[in-house]
């Protein structure tokens, strides 16, 4: 018996096999779930290549979370492969270059709004789009990065993550009566394709190398993925609106 036996899981954000999302998809399949992936545009090729490395075949559907047409079509596209969902992984984030790298005071609203739309509002948009497929006991899990402090060079993505965390709490409130749980996993830094695009990412590495009580492997996305799979399972039936930190303990330590 696997943790996710018989469950159907939608996973966004699979690019390479180094991503947390890929590891969630892999572990979910190994724990008995049927997995459907999403991708769009130029990332579709990367997703297809990574899907080929999963233990089992996984269907890929088109989803741009900033497209109302894609969001409106999501339930129908998913139903072409599975009749409902038991879990959704939100692994989506983006900020324009001008919103990162230490230019916080100079960033325009146009760039800020893009970061907030893609990285925070999309959680609500995805939840609403998937809601017709979700029943009591289902779970939405989002990948987070601790937004309680200001990080070097993270700038408006940090603001977007704070909005992301607040959005999860409000979703937990509004979806709870339907029996849908909403939780986040705040992972430590992983050397993913997305992380490498963050200016000054090496400064995050320095923090975790010196302050993690349990130590931290920047090349291992599996611990965060395991937390996501656990939160999608039936082992957390009364947990919602929570942020589970999988960061080696850095969040608990003072400067």
Foldseek 3Di string as FASTA:
>chain_A
DFLQAPFEEEFEDDQACLDLSLLLVQNNVVRHYQYAYEDADPSPVRNVVSQVVHPDHHHYDYDDLVDPVRLQCVQVVVCVPPNAHQEYEAEWFDFPPCQFAPNQVPDDVVRLVVRLVTLAVSLVSNCVSRVVRYAANGEYEYEAADLPDDDHRCGSNSVSRVNNLVSQLVCCVVCVVRNYAGEYEHEQAAPDPVLVVGPPSVSSVVLQCPQQQQGDDNRDSNVSSVVSSNRRGNPPSPDHSYYHYHYSCNVVDDD
